[in-house]
Protein backbone atom coordinates (compact mmCIF):
# COMPACT_ATOMS: atom_id res chain seq x y z
CA MET A 1 0.00 0.00 0.00
CA GLY A 2 1.45 3.39 -1.02
CA PHE A 3 2.11 6.23 1.41
CA TRP A 4 -0.98 8.27 0.43
CA LYS A 5 -3.30 5.27 0.54
CA LYS A 6 -1.96 4.36 3.96
CA ALA A 7 -2.52 7.92 5.16
CA ALA A 8 -6.09 8.01 3.87
CA PHE A 9 -6.86 4.65 5.48
CA ALA A 10 -5.44 5.83 8.78
CA ALA A 11 -7.48 9.04 8.66
CA CYS A 12 -10.73 7.15 8.04
CA ALA A 13 -9.92 4.76 10.88
CA ALA A 14 -9.29 7.69 13.21
CA VAL A 15 -12.59 9.31 12.31
CA ALA A 16 -14.44 6.05 12.90
CA ALA A 17 -12.69 5.57 16.24
CA LEU A 18 -13.84 9.01 17.39
CA GLY A 19 -17.45 8.14 16.54
CA PHE A 20 -17.85 10.62 13.71
CA VAL A 21 -20.16 9.83 10.76
CA MET A 22 -19.24 11.21 7.37
CA PRO A 23 -22.07 13.44 6.06
CA ARG A 24 -24.20 11.98 3.25
CA PRO A 25 -25.06 13.99 0.17
CA ALA A 26 -28.41 15.74 0.56
CA PHE A 27 -31.23 14.25 -1.47
CA ALA A 28 -33.32 16.56 -3.64
CA GLN A 29 -36.70 17.27 -2.10
CA VAL A 30 -39.69 15.73 -3.87
CA THR A 31 -42.76 17.95 -4.41
CA GLU A 32 -46.06 16.07 -4.71
CA LEU A 33 -49.08 17.78 -6.23
CA LYS A 34 -52.65 16.46 -5.91
CA ALA A 35 -54.68 16.45 -9.14
CA SER A 36 -58.47 16.09 -8.98
CA LEU A 37 -60.44 14.64 -11.90
CA PHE A 38 -64.17 14.03 -12.09
CA VAL A 39 -63.73 11.63 -15.03
CA PRO A 40 -63.03 7.91 -14.52
CA PRO A 41 -59.71 6.19 -15.27
CA GLY A 42 -59.43 5.51 -18.98
CA ASN A 43 -61.07 8.79 -19.96
CA VAL A 44 -58.88 10.89 -22.24
CA PHE A 45 -58.37 13.59 -19.61
CA HIS A 46 -57.17 10.99 -17.14
CA ARG A 47 -54.74 9.67 -19.74
CA ALA A 48 -53.59 13.20 -20.54
CA MET A 49 -52.99 13.92 -16.85
CA VAL A 50 -50.95 10.71 -16.56
CA LYS A 51 -48.86 11.72 -19.58
CA TRP A 52 -48.29 15.21 -18.19
CA ALA A 53 -47.37 13.77 -14.79
CA ASP A 54 -44.90 11.36 -16.40
CA THR A 55 -43.35 14.20 -18.41
CA LEU A 56 -42.89 16.41 -15.35
CA LYS A 57 -41.50 13.57 -13.26
CA GLU A 58 -38.98 12.60 -15.93
CA ASN A 59 -37.88 16.15 -16.73
CA SER A 60 -37.50 17.01 -13.03
CA GLY A 61 -35.41 13.95 -12.26
CA GLY A 62 -38.21 12.63 -10.04
CA ARG A 63 -38.53 15.85 -8.01
CA LEU A 64 -42.01 16.82 -9.25
CA VAL A 65 -44.74 14.22 -8.82
CA ILE A 66 -48.46 14.48 -9.55
CA LYS A 67 -50.75 12.13 -7.61
CA ILE A 68 -54.03 11.72 -9.49
CA PHE A 69 -57.44 11.30 -7.83
CA PRO A 70 -59.93 10.32 -10.59
CA ALA A 71 -63.69 9.69 -10.66
CA GLY A 72 -64.62 12.58 -8.35
CA GLN A 73 -62.74 11.22 -5.32
CA MET A 74 -61.99 14.76 -4.15
CA GLY A 75 -65.36 16.22 -5.10
CA PRO A 76 -68.13 16.20 -7.74
CA ALA A 77 -67.74 17.64 -11.22
CA PRO A 78 -69.21 21.12 -10.55
CA ARG A 79 -66.80 21.67 -7.60
CA GLN A 80 -63.57 21.01 -9.45
CA PHE A 81 -62.64 24.65 -9.99
CA ASP A 82 -63.18 25.53 -6.34
CA LEU A 83 -61.12 22.53 -5.24
CA ALA A 84 -58.16 23.98 -7.11
CA ARG A 85 -58.90 27.62 -6.26
CA THR A 86 -59.02 26.95 -2.53
CA GLY A 87 -56.03 24.59 -2.51
CA VAL A 88 -57.91 21.43 -1.53
CA ALA A 89 -56.45 20.13 -4.80
CA ASP A 90 -53.33 21.54 -6.39
CA ILE A 91 -54.55 20.80 -9.91
CA ALA A 92 -57.98 20.08 -11.40
CA VAL A 93 -59.62 19.58 -14.77
CA ILE A 94 -62.87 21.52 -14.93
CA PHE A 95 -65.84 21.34 -17.26
CA THR A 96 -66.79 25.00 -17.63
CA GLY A 97 -70.34 24.31 -18.82
CA LEU A 98 -71.36 22.69 -15.54
CA THR A 99 -71.40 26.05 -13.73
CA PRO A 100 -73.49 28.33 -15.99
CA GLY A 101 -72.54 32.00 -15.85
CA ARG A 102 -69.19 31.45 -14.17
CA PHE A 103 -67.07 31.36 -17.34
CA PRO A 104 -69.01 33.53 -19.83
CA LEU A 105 -65.96 34.66 -21.83
CA THR A 106 -64.59 31.13 -22.13
CA GLU A 107 -68.02 29.91 -23.20
CA LEU A 108 -68.21 32.42 -26.03
CA SER A 109 -65.92 29.97 -27.79
CA ASN A 110 -68.60 27.27 -27.39
CA VAL A 111 -71.07 29.04 -29.68
CA PRO A 112 -71.54 27.24 -33.04
CA GLY A 113 -69.37 28.69 -35.79
CA ILE A 114 -66.58 30.08 -33.56
CA LEU A 115 -64.11 27.18 -33.49
CA ASN A 116 -62.78 24.96 -36.25
CA GLY A 117 -61.30 21.57 -35.38
CA ASN A 118 -60.69 20.20 -31.90
CA TYR A 119 -56.88 20.24 -31.95
CA ALA A 120 -56.32 23.60 -33.64
CA SER A 121 -58.94 25.12 -31.36
CA SER A 122 -57.16 23.69 -28.29
CA LEU A 123 -53.96 25.39 -29.35
CA ALA A 124 -55.83 28.63 -30.06
CA LEU A 125 -57.72 28.83 -26.76
CA SER A 126 -54.72 27.73 -24.71
CA ASP A 127 -52.69 30.47 -26.40
CA VAL A 128 -55.04 33.41 -25.81
CA GLY A 129 -56.95 32.07 -22.79
CA PRO A 130 -54.49 32.94 -20.00
CA THR A 131 -54.78 36.64 -20.86
CA LEU A 132 -58.16 36.86 -22.58
CA PHE A 133 -60.05 34.91 -19.90
CA ALA A 134 -57.86 35.77 -16.90
CA SER A 135 -60.67 37.42 -14.92
CA GLU A 136 -62.63 34.15 -14.88
CA TYR A 137 -59.88 32.11 -13.24
CA PRO A 138 -58.97 33.87 -9.98
CA GLY A 139 -56.55 32.10 -7.69
CA VAL A 140 -55.33 29.63 -10.29
CA LYS A 141 -52.86 29.33 -13.13
CA LEU A 142 -54.53 28.30 -16.39
CA ILE A 143 -52.60 25.33 -17.79
CA ASN A 144 -54.64 24.66 -20.92
CA ILE A 145 -58.11 24.85 -22.45
CA VAL A 146 -59.43 21.96 -24.53
CA PRO A 147 -62.69 22.33 -26.49
CA ILE A 148 -64.57 19.33 -27.84
CA GLU A 149 -67.38 19.40 -30.40
CA THR A 150 -70.66 17.94 -29.16
CA GLU A 151 -73.10 15.41 -30.57
CA ILE A 152 -76.42 13.99 -29.38
CA ILE A 153 -76.78 10.32 -28.51
CA SER A 154 -80.38 9.16 -28.30
CA ARG A 155 -82.70 6.18 -28.18
CA SER A 156 -84.57 7.21 -31.34
CA GLU A 157 -83.19 8.58 -34.59
CA ILE A 158 -82.70 12.33 -34.98
CA LYS A 159 -82.21 13.37 -38.60
CA SER A 160 -83.13 17.05 -38.50
CA ALA A 161 -83.66 19.93 -36.13
CA ASN A 162 -87.38 19.29 -36.48
CA ASP A 163 -86.89 15.88 -34.85
CA LEU A 164 -85.61 17.64 -31.72
CA LYS A 165 -88.79 19.59 -31.07
CA GLY A 166 -90.30 18.76 -27.72
CA LYS A 167 -87.61 16.21 -26.85
CA ARG A 168 -85.90 16.32 -23.46
CA ILE A 169 -82.20 16.52 -24.19
CA ARG A 170 -79.45 16.70 -21.59
CA ALA A 171 -77.50 19.91 -22.27
CA ALA A 172 -73.71 19.57 -22.09
CA GLY A 173 -73.39 23.20 -21.02
CA SER A 174 -75.11 26.57 -21.02
CA VAL A 175 -74.38 27.18 -24.71
CA GLN A 176 -75.76 23.77 -25.66
CA SER A 177 -78.83 24.59 -23.58
CA ASP A 178 -79.34 27.74 -25.66
CA VAL A 179 -78.81 25.80 -28.90
CA LEU A 180 -81.32 23.14 -27.89
CA LYS A 181 -83.89 25.77 -26.93
CA ALA A 182 -83.42 27.48 -30.30
CA LEU A 183 -84.10 24.16 -32.02
CA GLY A 184 -87.27 23.52 -30.02
CA ALA A 185 -85.89 20.90 -27.63
CA VAL A 186 -86.25 20.96 -23.86
CA PRO A 187 -82.76 21.22 -22.34
CA THR A 188 -82.36 19.21 -19.15
CA LEU A 189 -79.63 19.28 -16.49
CA VAL A 190 -77.97 15.90 -15.95
CA GLN A 191 -74.56 15.48 -14.33
CA PRO A 192 -72.05 13.36 -16.28
CA GLY A 193 -72.16 10.42 -13.89
CA ASP A 194 -75.96 10.25 -14.13
CA MET A 195 -76.23 10.28 -17.94
CA ASN A 196 -76.40 6.51 -18.46
CA ASP A 197 -79.18 6.10 -15.92
CA ALA A 198 -81.13 9.11 -17.23
CA LEU A 199 -81.17 7.88 -20.82
CA GLY A 200 -81.66 4.23 -19.92
CA LYS A 201 -84.71 4.97 -17.74
CA GLY A 202 -86.23 7.40 -20.23
CA MET A 203 -85.80 10.43 -18.01
CA VAL A 204 -84.36 12.15 -21.10
CA ASP A 205 -84.70 11.39 -24.82
CA GLY A 206 -81.09 12.18 -25.64
CA LEU A 207 -77.79 13.42 -24.29
CA SER A 208 -75.58 16.22 -25.57
CA THR A 209 -72.01 15.01 -25.11
CA ALA A 210 -68.81 14.12 -26.98
CA TYR A 211 -67.65 10.74 -28.27
CA SER A 212 -65.27 10.45 -25.33
CA GLY A 213 -68.26 10.92 -23.03
CA ILE A 214 -70.16 8.13 -24.79
CA PHE A 215 -67.45 5.66 -23.84
CA SER A 216 -66.54 7.03 -20.42
CA TRP A 217 -70.12 6.70 -19.22
CA LYS A 218 -71.04 3.62 -21.37
CA LEU A 219 -73.80 5.51 -23.13
CA ASP A 220 -73.66 3.16 -26.11
CA ASP A 221 -75.39 0.60 -23.86
CA VAL A 222 -78.54 2.74 -23.76
CA GLY A 223 -78.39 4.94 -26.87
CA LYS A 224 -78.29 3.60 -30.43
CA TYR A 225 -78.30 6.77 -32.55
CA VAL A 226 -75.98 9.77 -32.80
CA ALA A 227 -76.83 13.08 -34.44
CA GLU A 228 -73.97 15.28 -35.63
CA GLY A 229 -74.03 18.94 -36.61
CA ASP A 230 -72.46 22.19 -35.52
CA MET A 231 -74.11 22.36 -32.13
CA GLY A 232 -71.14 24.09 -30.56
CA SER A 233 -68.42 22.87 -28.24
CA VAL A 234 -67.77 22.27 -24.58
CA THR A 235 -64.56 23.34 -22.89
CA PHE A 236 -62.37 21.62 -20.35
CA ALA A 237 -59.70 23.63 -18.56
CA THR A 238 -56.76 22.36 -16.55
CA VAL A 239 -55.98 24.74 -13.69
CA MET A 240 -53.37 24.85 -10.92
CA ASN A 241 -53.68 26.52 -7.55
CA ARG A 242 -51.67 29.75 -7.78
CA LYS A 243 -50.10 29.41 -4.30
CA ALA A 244 -49.01 25.84 -5.06
CA TYR A 245 -47.37 27.10 -8.24
CA ASP A 246 -45.71 30.07 -6.50
CA LYS A 247 -44.15 27.77 -3.88
CA LEU A 248 -42.29 25.74 -6.48
CA PRO A 249 -38.55 26.26 -7.01
CA ALA A 250 -37.72 28.27 -10.12
CA ASP A 251 -36.63 25.25 -12.17
CA LEU A 252 -39.86 23.36 -11.42
CA LYS A 253 -41.95 26.43 -12.28
CA LYS A 254 -40.13 26.48 -15.60
CA LEU A 255 -41.21 22.90 -16.28
CA ILE A 256 -44.84 23.82 -15.52
CA ASP A 257 -44.59 26.89 -17.75
CA GLU A 258 -43.15 24.89 -20.63
CA THR A 259 -46.13 22.53 -20.52
CA SER A 260 -48.76 25.25 -20.08
CA GLY A 261 -50.53 27.29 -22.74
CA VAL A 262 -49.82 25.95 -26.22
CA GLY A 263 -47.36 23.49 -24.67
CA GLY A 264 -50.13 22.13 -22.48
CA ALA A 265 -52.53 21.90 -25.40
CA ARG A 266 -50.00 19.83 -27.34
CA ILE A 267 -50.42 17.18 -24.63
CA PHE A 268 -54.07 17.45 -23.59
CA GLY A 269 -55.47 18.78 -26.86
CA ARG A 270 -53.63 16.28 -29.03
CA LEU A 271 -54.81 13.30 -27.01
CA SER A 272 -58.36 14.66 -26.87
CA ALA A 273 -58.61 15.33 -30.61
CA ASP A 274 -57.20 11.91 -31.50
CA ASP A 275 -59.50 10.27 -28.97
CA GLU A 276 -62.61 11.80 -30.55
CA ILE A 277 -61.61 10.39 -33.95
CA GLU A 278 -60.90 6.97 -32.44
CA LYS A 279 -64.10 6.87 -30.41
CA ARG A 280 -66.23 7.91 -33.39
CA ALA A 281 -64.82 4.99 -35.37
CA LEU A 282 -65.66 2.65 -32.49
CA VAL A 283 -69.22 4.02 -32.39
CA VAL A 284 -69.64 3.05 -36.03
CA LYS A 285 -68.03 -0.36 -35.41
CA ARG A 286 -70.49 -1.06 -32.59
CA GLY A 287 -73.43 -0.53 -34.89
CA ILE A 288 -74.60 2.86 -33.67
CA LYS A 289 -76.11 4.84 -36.54
CA ILE A 290 -74.70 8.34 -37.11
CA ASP A 291 -76.83 10.96 -38.86
CA GLN A 292 -75.83 14.41 -40.04
CA LEU A 293 -78.53 16.94 -39.19
CA ALA A 294 -79.99 17.90 -42.56
CA ASP A 295 -80.76 21.53 -41.81
CA GLN A 296 -77.33 23.07 -41.17
CA ASP A 297 -78.74 26.48 -42.09
CA VAL A 298 -81.07 26.24 -39.09
CA LEU A 299 -78.11 25.44 -36.84
CA LYS A 300 -76.16 28.34 -38.29
CA ALA A 301 -79.02 30.75 -37.66
CA ALA A 302 -79.43 29.43 -34.11
CA GLY A 303 -75.72 29.91 -33.46
CA GLN A 304 -75.79 33.48 -34.73
CA SER A 305 -78.80 34.38 -32.58
CA ILE A 306 -77.10 32.89 -29.50
CA LEU A 307 -73.90 34.79 -30.25
CA ASP A 308 -75.81 38.04 -30.74
CA GLN A 309 -77.52 37.60 -27.38
CA ALA A 310 -74.25 36.70 -25.64
CA ILE A 311 -72.60 39.83 -27.03
CA LYS A 312 -75.55 41.93 -25.88
CA ASN A 313 -75.45 40.40 -22.38
CA ALA A 314 -71.71 40.99 -22.14
CA ALA A 315 -72.06 44.61 -23.26
CA ALA A 316 -74.55 45.18 -20.43
CA LYS A 317 -71.74 44.17 -18.06
CA GLY A 318 -69.18 46.40 -19.75
CA ILE A 319 -67.47 43.53 -21.57
CA ASP A 320 -66.41 43.89 -25.19
CA ALA A 321 -67.47 40.42 -26.36
CA ASN A 322 -66.93 41.36 -30.01
CA MET A 323 -63.24 41.85 -29.24
CA VAL A 324 -63.10 38.50 -27.42
CA VAL A 325 -64.73 36.66 -30.32
CA ALA A 326 -62.44 38.38 -32.84
CA ARG A 327 -59.33 37.35 -30.89
CA ILE A 328 -60.56 33.76 -30.56
CA LYS A 329 -61.24 33.55 -34.30
CA ALA A 330 -57.84 35.07 -35.11
CA ALA A 331 -56.13 32.50 -32.90
CA VAL A 332 -58.11 29.67 -34.51
CA ALA A 333 -57.00 30.90 -37.94
CA LYS A 334 -53.40 31.07 -36.71
CA TYR A 335 -53.37 27.38 -35.79
CA ALA A 336 -55.78 26.14 -38.49
CA ALA A 337 -53.04 24.29 -40.36
CA GLU A 338 -52.30 22.07 -37.36
CA LYS A 339 -54.42 18.94 -37.51
């Protein structure tokens, strides 16, 4: 053994004899965030949250972890925003249409004729939303906004707007309620988890939802027809408690920022848009008949009347809804090429 090795060995032995313990390297602190989802496991927003969580965990070297609570474990669907706002949950995915009047600017995008394509529209709304809709999301950081076009699944065939007259249809949101009223239907409030039971027992004649909703809530067991047409969209927003975000170290905030806005839409919006295409194909494969509503001009007129009223209502509150709509449409045009 050389001189220096002998010296090092002797030093270590001396330290041990004196009872000293060599200090261990400090381990990086792990931050765990609680994410609340009202949708069940397997739903596209659950899968998107898992993908986002995996991305953050990998890019942070395991220091940023999201623990997911699906199927309304932390609270029912209408409470999701408040769970995140108050810090009961750190993150939540909210369905804006379930709390009518709370997100009027966001829901302007739901009016028929405003958006064009689920994915491009996700990019557009996630781009302009954090500034354009900021007043509607107090206490939280807006991660992304994902719109999904709606259809009607029913027990009897609906081929035209005339077939909707007098029928009780579950409205997917406040805009869909207005559309259904304009077409002569009777909009009915049914929470997502109650849709299967409501249609199966004849409490409603049809349900306004998306293809992802058909499979998440097994609506194809009770409904055998789908009617498509521009009946507007519903929006889902991923939000994070602002205090939880502010507490993060700078490098972890950077990871959140990089996967928010358009970056967030490239995860959530991409999965959602692809899921709608996949689920529509499965609907056809399972023998459910899909009809295109014949009178698109009626839908277009209904959409315009709803938009006109929304603009008028906003103006009464001092809100320039025309500007909001113009910025949404400009953003949609900006991302139109992305499919």
